Structures are given as structure tokens and as C-alpha cells.
Amino acid sequence: MARTKDPAVRTLLIERAGRMLRTREPITLRSLVAGTGVSTMAVYTYFGGMDGLWKALRQEGFTRLAARLATVPATADPVHDLAALGAAYLGNALDNPDLYRVMFDATFDLEDSGAADGTLHHLVAAAERAESAGRFAPGTDPLEVAVQSWTIGHGLASLVATGPLPSPALAHGVPLLTALFTSKGDTPARCRRSVETAWNRLARE
């Protein structure tokens, strides 16, 4: 009878690989399991090899991002919600910088190829509500707004969470998102209030 896999071992190896990325340690079969109490065979048992481990790392990054975005409630202000999703995206990157580095390494496939699309859907849904509420002009493409919002968030995350800029640079998200959303038809003053209120979520986390 096949031995039941222990999810804790899988998590242990993923977390260890993330720490090794942070400390820039070379990741090999032997170095990955050193001091963990499991053998190199565990990498094959749980991931099918090192390529599978990298897939799992990417997947874990998107899993945590999806969980973070799911904590953002839908309110009566969809523009606020769009900005709050951006703040949650940044918060996830700041909390998981090692996984964030791996998430967008397209050298390795995801275990679930729809994971990235699933996270983007949160932004698309909020943009759709903004158009329905009259905050964005009729005919605004929700997918375009979502991608542009993600681009802003990804740029800030890359520069702050894994790059050269200090955390105060995150404040640039307010004018950047305000400019984007007003270009879609929102009223500048109202838009700024919505974005600023949502961005305070990042400061509290």
C-alpha cells in the first residue's frame, strides 16, 4: 500500500526553499533537505524533482496572493475596492518577498495554469462594478483597467519588496491609481478620496 503523503513535509520544503532564496544559498537536492530530517527522496515524492519544486513555489505564491485578495470585501465604493485590491497585492509581496520573486519566473509552469487569471479576476470584477456604478465611463474595458492596475502594483512591489526603493515609495500608488481611474471617467476629487482611504489599508497591515 502506498504511503500517505504528509502535507507538512511539502510545506517544510517549500518554506525552506523560500528562506534559501532570501539568503541567496544555492538550492540543490542536498542543500534543500540538509537539517530538515527528510531525505532527498522527499523532493521526488512530493514534487517529482527540482523542476516540480519550482512549480510548487510559483503556485504557493499565487495561492497566498489569492487568499490575500479574498480578504478584501466588496463595498459600496468599487473604486475604493480596486485600490484596496492593489494595496492587498502589495501587502502580499511585502510579506512574501521570496515567493514573489519566483511567482513571475515563467521558466517554470504553474501547477494550476489558471491561478494567475484567478487573481486577476478580483480586479476585473471590481472594475466591472465601477462601470456599472457610473464611476467609469460607459464602454470602459474592465480587463484593461485590471491589467493596468496590476501593472502599477507590480511595478511598486518589484521596486520596494524586492528592489532598491524604500517603503515610503509605496505612497506613489495613490497618485498613480488616481490618474488611472480618472482617465477612465471618475471624478478627480472623489477618486482621490477613494484611493487614499483604500491605500491606508496597506499602512495598517
C-alpha atoms as a PDB file:
ATOM      1  CA  MET A   1       0.000   0.000   0.000  1.00  0.00           C
ATOM      2  CA  ALA A   2       1.335   3.447  -0.939  1.00  0.00           C
ATOM      3  CA  ARG A   3       2.487   5.595   1.946  1.00  0.00           C
ATOM      4  CA  THR A   4       0.271   8.600   2.663  1.00  0.00           C
ATOM      5  CA  LYS A   5       1.999  11.881   1.912  1.00  0.00           C
ATOM      6  CA  ASP A   6       2.378  14.325   4.781  1.00  0.00           C
ATOM      7  CA  PRO A   7       1.368  17.887   3.728  1.00  0.00           C
ATOM      8  CA  ALA A   8       3.636  19.232   6.471  1.00  0.00           C
ATOM      9  CA  VAL A   9       6.707  17.853   4.682  1.00  0.00           C
ATOM     10  CA  ARG A  10       5.686  19.538   1.453  1.00  0.00           C
ATOM     11  CA  THR A  11       5.186  22.842   3.259  1.00  0.00           C
ATOM     12  CA  LEU A  12       8.501  22.409   5.087  1.00  0.00           C
ATOM     13  CA  LEU A  13      10.417  22.059   1.823  1.00  0.00           C
ATOM     14  CA  ILE A  14       8.641  24.989   0.174  1.00  0.00           C
ATOM     15  CA  GLU A  15       9.326  27.238   3.167  1.00  0.00           C
ATOM     16  CA  ARG A  16      12.954  26.152   3.300  1.00  0.00           C
ATOM     17  CA  ALA A  17      13.434  26.849  -0.400  1.00  0.00           C
ATOM     18  CA  GLY A  18      11.977  30.315   0.159  1.00  0.00           C
ATOM     19  CA  ARG A  19      14.395  31.024   3.010  1.00  0.00           C
ATOM     20  CA  MET A  20      17.298  29.843   0.893  1.00  0.00           C
ATOM     21  CA  LEU A  21      16.270  32.222  -1.864  1.00  0.00           C
ATOM     22  CA  ARG A  22      16.239  35.075   0.663  1.00  0.00           C
ATOM     23  CA  THR A  23      19.730  34.261   1.903  1.00  0.00           C
ATOM     24  CA  ARG A  24      20.962  33.543  -1.626  1.00  0.00           C
ATOM     25  CA  GLU A  25      22.019  29.997  -0.788  1.00  0.00           C
ATOM     26  CA  PRO A  26      22.457  27.638  -3.748  1.00  0.00           C
ATOM     27  CA  ILE A  27      19.447  25.326  -3.846  1.00  0.00           C
ATOM     28  CA  THR A  28      20.293  21.711  -4.652  1.00  0.00           C
ATOM     29  CA  LEU A  29      18.686  18.444  -3.614  1.00  0.00           C
ATOM     30  CA  ARG A  30      21.140  18.013  -0.760  1.00  0.00           C
ATOM     31  CA  SER A  31      21.231  21.604   0.441  1.00  0.00           C
ATOM     32  CA  LEU A  32      17.428  21.784   0.406  1.00  0.00           C
ATOM     33  CA  VAL A  33      16.947  18.851   2.764  1.00  0.00           C
ATOM     34  CA  ALA A  34      20.021  19.482   4.950  1.00  0.00           C
ATOM     35  CA  GLY A  35      18.956  19.740   8.575  1.00  0.00           C
ATOM     36  CA  THR A  36      15.282  19.081   7.835  1.00  0.00           C
ATOM     37  CA  GLY A  37      15.204  15.443   8.860  1.00  0.00           C
ATOM     38  CA  VAL A  38      13.901  14.303   5.481  1.00  0.00           C
ATOM     39  CA  SER A  39      15.814  12.636   2.668  1.00  0.00           C
ATOM     40  CA  THR A  40      16.454  13.852  -0.862  1.00  0.00           C
ATOM     41  CA  MET A  41      13.852  11.312  -1.997  1.00  0.00           C
ATOM     42  CA  ALA A  42      11.201  13.567  -0.426  1.00  0.00           C
ATOM     43  CA  VAL A  43      11.773  16.100  -3.205  1.00  0.00           C
ATOM     44  CA  TYR A  44      10.811  13.425  -5.737  1.00  0.00           C
ATOM     45  CA  THR A  45       7.972  12.098  -3.597  1.00  0.00           C
ATOM     46  CA  TYR A  46       6.301  15.472  -3.171  1.00  0.00           C
ATOM     47  CA  PHE A  47       7.388  17.379  -6.273  1.00  0.00           C
ATOM     48  CA  GLY A  48       8.717  14.869  -8.800  1.00  0.00           C
ATOM     49  CA  GLY A  49      12.121  16.571  -8.695  1.00  0.00           C
ATOM     50  CA  MET A  50      13.586  20.068  -8.547  1.00  0.00           C
ATOM     51  CA  ASP A  51      11.560  21.376 -11.509  1.00  0.00           C
ATOM     52  CA  GLY A  52       8.425  20.361  -9.655  1.00  0.00           C
ATOM     53  CA  LEU A  53       9.640  22.185  -6.578  1.00  0.00           C
ATOM     54  CA  TRP A  54       9.970  25.422  -8.538  1.00  0.00           C
ATOM     55  CA  LYS A  55       6.471  24.930  -9.939  1.00  0.00           C
ATOM     56  CA  ALA A  56       5.200  24.442  -6.394  1.00  0.00           C
ATOM     57  CA  LEU A  57       6.972  27.614  -5.235  1.00  0.00           C
ATOM     58  CA  ARG A  58       5.335  29.630  -8.014  1.00  0.00           C
ATOM     59  CA  GLN A  59       1.984  28.068  -7.194  1.00  0.00           C
ATOM     60  CA  GLU A  60       2.339  28.834  -3.493  1.00  0.00           C
ATOM     61  CA  GLY A  61       2.980  32.467  -4.355  1.00  0.00           C
ATOM     62  CA  PHE A  62      -0.274  32.732  -6.295  1.00  0.00           C
ATOM     63  CA  THR A  63      -2.146  30.732  -3.649  1.00  0.00           C
ATOM     64  CA  ARG A  64      -1.124  33.214  -0.974  1.00  0.00           C
ATOM     65  CA  LEU A  65      -1.935  36.149  -3.236  1.00  0.00           C
ATOM     66  CA  ALA A  66      -5.415  34.754  -3.954  1.00  0.00           C
ATOM     67  CA  ALA A  67      -6.011  34.263  -0.228  1.00  0.00           C
ATOM     68  CA  ARG A  68      -4.917  37.856   0.458  1.00  0.00           C
ATOM     69  CA  LEU A  69      -7.152  39.312  -2.253  1.00  0.00           C
ATOM     70  CA  ALA A  70     -10.080  37.292  -0.937  1.00  0.00           C
ATOM     71  CA  THR A  71      -9.841  39.220   2.350  1.00  0.00           C
ATOM     72  CA  VAL A  72     -10.753  42.482   0.568  1.00  0.00           C
ATOM     73  CA  PRO A  73     -14.511  42.988   0.997  1.00  0.00           C
ATOM     74  CA  ALA A  74     -16.744  44.430  -1.687  1.00  0.00           C
ATOM     75  CA  THR A  75     -18.116  47.786  -0.548  1.00  0.00           C
ATOM     76  CA  ALA A  76     -20.448  50.383  -1.992  1.00  0.00           C
ATOM     77  CA  ASP A  77     -17.382  52.128  -3.452  1.00  0.00           C
ATOM     78  CA  PRO A  78     -15.914  49.973  -6.246  1.00  0.00           C
ATOM     79  CA  VAL A  79     -13.070  52.425  -6.933  1.00  0.00           C
ATOM     80  CA  HIS A  80     -12.037  52.109  -3.310  1.00  0.00           C
ATOM     81  CA  ASP A  81     -12.204  48.328  -3.732  1.00  0.00           C
ATOM     82  CA  LEU A  82      -9.943  48.411  -6.786  1.00  0.00           C
ATOM     83  CA  ALA A  83      -7.355  50.402  -4.873  1.00  0.00           C
ATOM     84  CA  ALA A  84      -7.754  48.143  -1.811  1.00  0.00           C
ATOM     85  CA  LEU A  85      -7.013  45.123  -4.009  1.00  0.00           C
ATOM     86  CA  GLY A  86      -3.855  46.901  -5.168  1.00  0.00           C
ATOM     87  CA  ALA A  87      -2.879  47.509  -1.544  1.00  0.00           C
ATOM     88  CA  ALA A  88      -3.507  43.838  -0.745  1.00  0.00           C
ATOM     89  CA  TYR A  89      -1.323  42.834  -3.692  1.00  0.00           C
ATOM     90  CA  LEU A  90       1.497  44.978  -2.353  1.00  0.00           C
ATOM     91  CA  GLY A  91       0.989  43.720   1.177  1.00  0.00           C
ATOM     92  CA  ASN A  92       1.308  40.145  -0.024  1.00  0.00           C
ATOM     93  CA  ALA A  93       4.524  40.951  -1.880  1.00  0.00           C
ATOM     94  CA  LEU A  94       6.000  42.657   1.186  1.00  0.00           C
ATOM     95  CA  ASP A  95       5.074  39.715   3.415  1.00  0.00           C
ATOM     96  CA  ASN A  96       6.309  37.063   0.969  1.00  0.00           C
ATOM     97  CA  PRO A  97       9.214  38.619  -0.954  1.00  0.00           C
ATOM     98  CA  ASP A  98      10.914  35.272  -1.610  1.00  0.00           C
ATOM     99  CA  LEU A  99       7.837  33.708  -3.168  1.00  0.00           C
ATOM    100  CA  TYR A 100       7.115  36.960  -5.003  1.00  0.00           C
ATOM    101  CA  ARG A 101      10.442  36.679  -6.811  1.00  0.00           C
ATOM    102  CA  VAL A 102       9.535  33.216  -8.044  1.00  0.00           C
ATOM    103  CA  MET A 103       5.883  33.859  -8.944  1.00  0.00           C
ATOM    104  CA  PHE A 104       6.701  35.575 -12.209  1.00  0.00           C
ATOM    105  CA  ASP A 105       9.520  33.285 -13.331  1.00  0.00           C
ATOM    106  CA  ALA A 106       7.847  31.871 -16.423  1.00  0.00           C
ATOM    107  CA  THR A 107      10.748  29.448 -16.915  1.00  0.00           C
ATOM    108  CA  PHE A 108       8.621  27.007 -14.900  1.00  0.00           C
ATOM    109  CA  ASP A 109       4.922  26.349 -15.421  1.00  0.00           C
ATOM    110  CA  LEU A 110       2.379  26.691 -12.657  1.00  0.00           C
ATOM    111  CA  GLU A 111       0.794  23.572 -11.198  1.00  0.00           C
ATOM    112  CA  ASP A 112      -2.536  25.297 -11.852  1.00  0.00           C
ATOM    113  CA  SER A 113      -2.213  27.361 -15.004  1.00  0.00           C
ATOM    114  CA  GLY A 114      -5.351  29.352 -14.166  1.00  0.00           C
ATOM    115  CA  ALA A 115      -4.000  30.664 -10.862  1.00  0.00           C
ATOM    116  CA  ALA A 116      -2.765  33.983 -12.277  1.00  0.00           C
ATOM    117  CA  ASP A 117      -6.035  34.536 -14.147  1.00  0.00           C
ATOM    118  CA  GLY A 118      -7.936  33.800 -10.952  1.00  0.00           C
ATOM    119  CA  THR A 119      -6.175  36.554  -9.043  1.00  0.00           C
ATOM    120  CA  LEU A 120      -6.684  38.992 -11.916  1.00  0.00           C
ATOM    121  CA  HIS A 121     -10.419  38.252 -11.849  1.00  0.00           C
ATOM    122  CA  HIS A 122     -10.754  40.042  -8.499  1.00  0.00           C
ATOM    123  CA  LEU A 123      -9.629  43.260 -10.193  1.00  0.00           C
ATOM    124  CA  VAL A 124     -11.803  42.688 -13.266  1.00  0.00           C
ATOM    125  CA  ALA A 125     -14.890  42.230 -11.085  1.00  0.00           C
ATOM    126  CA  ALA A 126     -14.224  45.470  -9.206  1.00  0.00           C
ATOM    127  CA  ALA A 127     -13.685  47.357 -12.471  1.00  0.00           C
ATOM    128  CA  GLU A 128     -16.979  45.988 -13.807  1.00  0.00           C
ATOM    129  CA  ARG A 129     -18.767  47.272 -10.709  1.00  0.00           C
ATOM    130  CA  ALA A 130     -17.113  50.683 -11.116  1.00  0.00           C
ATOM    131  CA  GLU A 131     -18.508  50.973 -14.621  1.00  0.00           C
ATOM    132  CA  SER A 132     -21.957  49.791 -13.534  1.00  0.00           C
ATOM    133  CA  ALA A 133     -21.956  52.350 -10.713  1.00  0.00           C
ATOM    134  CA  GLY A 134     -21.151  55.175 -13.133  1.00  0.00           C
ATOM    135  CA  ARG A 135     -17.676  55.795 -11.718  1.00  0.00           C
ATOM    136  CA  PHE A 136     -16.065  54.753 -15.010  1.00  0.00           C
ATOM    137  CA  ALA A 137     -17.267  55.819 -18.422  1.00  0.00           C
ATOM    138  CA  PRO A 138     -19.623  53.502 -20.321  1.00  0.00           C
ATOM    139  CA  GLY A 139     -17.693  51.092 -22.510  1.00  0.00           C
ATOM    140  CA  THR A 140     -14.648  51.013 -20.236  1.00  0.00           C
ATOM    141  CA  ASP A 141     -12.874  47.673 -20.652  1.00  0.00           C
ATOM    142  CA  PRO A 142     -12.717  46.058 -17.178  1.00  0.00           C
ATOM    143  CA  LEU A 143      -9.895  43.735 -18.207  1.00  0.00           C
ATOM    144  CA  GLU A 144      -7.819  46.669 -19.430  1.00  0.00           C
ATOM    145  CA  VAL A 145      -8.350  48.516 -16.140  1.00  0.00           C
ATOM    146  CA  ALA A 146      -7.433  45.379 -14.199  1.00  0.00           C
ATOM    147  CA  VAL A 147      -4.218  44.834 -16.149  1.00  0.00           C
ATOM    148  CA  GLN A 148      -3.231  48.488 -15.838  1.00  0.00           C
ATOM    149  CA  SER A 149      -3.911  48.418 -12.082  1.00  0.00           C
ATOM    150  CA  TRP A 150      -1.864  45.230 -11.752  1.00  0.00           C
ATOM    151  CA  THR A 151       0.955  46.842 -13.716  1.00  0.00           C
ATOM    152  CA  ILE A 152       1.113  49.708 -11.227  1.00  0.00           C
ATOM    153  CA  GLY A 153       1.032  47.353  -8.260  1.00  0.00           C
ATOM    154  CA  HIS A 154       3.610  45.032  -9.758  1.00  0.00           C
ATOM    155  CA  GLY A 155       5.962  47.904 -10.532  1.00  0.00           C
ATOM    156  CA  LEU A 156       5.807  49.219  -6.974  1.00  0.00           C
ATOM    157  CA  ALA A 157       6.140  45.740  -5.484  1.00  0.00           C
ATOM    158  CA  SER A 158       9.167  44.941  -7.620  1.00  0.00           C
ATOM    159  CA  LEU A 159      10.870  48.191  -6.691  1.00  0.00           C
ATOM    160  CA  VAL A 160      10.106  48.052  -2.970  1.00  0.00           C
ATOM    161  CA  ALA A 161       9.589  44.429  -1.906  1.00  0.00           C
ATOM    162  CA  THR A 162      12.430  43.007  -3.982  1.00  0.00           C
ATOM    163  CA  GLY A 163      14.190  46.097  -5.308  1.00  0.00           C
ATOM    164  CA  PRO A 164      16.043  49.294  -4.478  1.00  0.00           C
ATOM    165  CA  LEU A 165      13.345  51.692  -3.256  1.00  0.00           C
ATOM    166  CA  PRO A 166      12.452  52.252   0.422  1.00  0.00           C
ATOM    167  CA  SER A 167       8.924  51.572   1.671  1.00  0.00           C
ATOM    168  CA  PRO A 168       7.840  55.273   1.571  1.00  0.00           C
ATOM    169  CA  ALA A 169       7.855  54.911  -2.223  1.00  0.00           C
ATOM    170  CA  LEU A 170       4.649  52.892  -1.872  1.00  0.00           C
ATOM    171  CA  ALA A 171       2.854  56.224  -1.408  1.00  0.00           C
ATOM    172  CA  HIS A 172       3.277  56.769  -5.168  1.00  0.00           C
ATOM    173  CA  GLY A 173       0.448  54.280  -5.597  1.00  0.00           C
ATOM    174  CA  VAL A 174      -2.110  56.950  -4.668  1.00  0.00           C
ATOM    175  CA  PRO A 175      -1.387  59.441  -7.486  1.00  0.00           C
ATOM    176  CA  LEU A 176      -0.713  56.642  -9.981  1.00  0.00           C
ATOM    177  CA  LEU A 177      -4.015  54.860  -9.357  1.00  0.00           C
ATOM    178  CA  THR A 178      -5.893  58.168  -9.115  1.00  0.00           C
ATOM    179  CA  ALA A 179      -4.562  59.164 -12.537  1.00  0.00           C
ATOM    180  CA  LEU A 180      -5.531  55.783 -13.993  1.00  0.00           C
ATOM    181  CA  PHE A 181      -9.057  55.777 -12.597  1.00  0.00           C
ATOM    182  CA  THR A 182      -9.783  59.405 -13.506  1.00  0.00           C
ATOM    183  CA  SER A 183      -8.643  58.625 -17.054  1.00  0.00           C
ATOM    184  CA  LYS A 184     -11.452  56.048 -17.093  1.00  0.00           C
ATOM    185  CA  GLY A 185     -14.007  58.701 -16.167  1.00  0.00           C
ATOM    186  CA  ASP A 186     -14.028  59.033 -12.386  1.00  0.00           C
ATOM    187  CA  THR A 187     -14.252  62.457 -10.733  1.00  0.00           C
ATOM    188  CA  PRO A 188     -10.749  63.518  -9.569  1.00  0.00           C
ATOM    189  CA  ALA A 189     -11.588  64.619  -6.023  1.00  0.00           C
ATOM    190  CA  ARG A 190     -13.894  61.679  -5.348  1.00  0.00           C
ATOM    191  CA  CYS A 191     -11.413  59.280  -6.883  1.00  0.00           C
ATOM    192  CA  ARG A 192      -8.569  60.591  -4.762  1.00  0.00           C
ATOM    193  CA  ARG A 193     -10.602  60.103  -1.589  1.00  0.00           C
ATOM    194  CA  SER A 194     -11.477  56.540  -2.562  1.00  0.00           C
ATOM    195  CA  VAL A 195      -7.887  55.640  -3.366  1.00  0.00           C
ATOM    196  CA  GLU A 196      -6.405  57.295  -0.285  1.00  0.00           C
ATOM    197  CA  THR A 197      -8.886  55.562   2.010  1.00  0.00           C
ATOM    198  CA  ALA A 198      -8.072  52.202   0.444  1.00  0.00           C
ATOM    199  CA  TRP A 199      -4.327  52.799   0.499  1.00  0.00           C
ATOM    200  CA  ASN A 200      -4.490  53.306   4.262  1.00  0.00           C
ATOM    201  CA  ARG A 201      -5.246  49.580   4.388  1.00  0.00           C
ATOM    202  CA  LEU A 202      -1.653  48.922   3.343  1.00  0.00           C
ATOM    203  CA  ALA A 203      -0.330  51.151   6.122  1.00  0.00           C
ATOM    204  CA  ARG A 204      -2.389  49.256   8.716  1.00  0.00           C
ATOM    205  CA  GLU A 205      -1.268  45.779   7.618  1.00  0.00           C
END
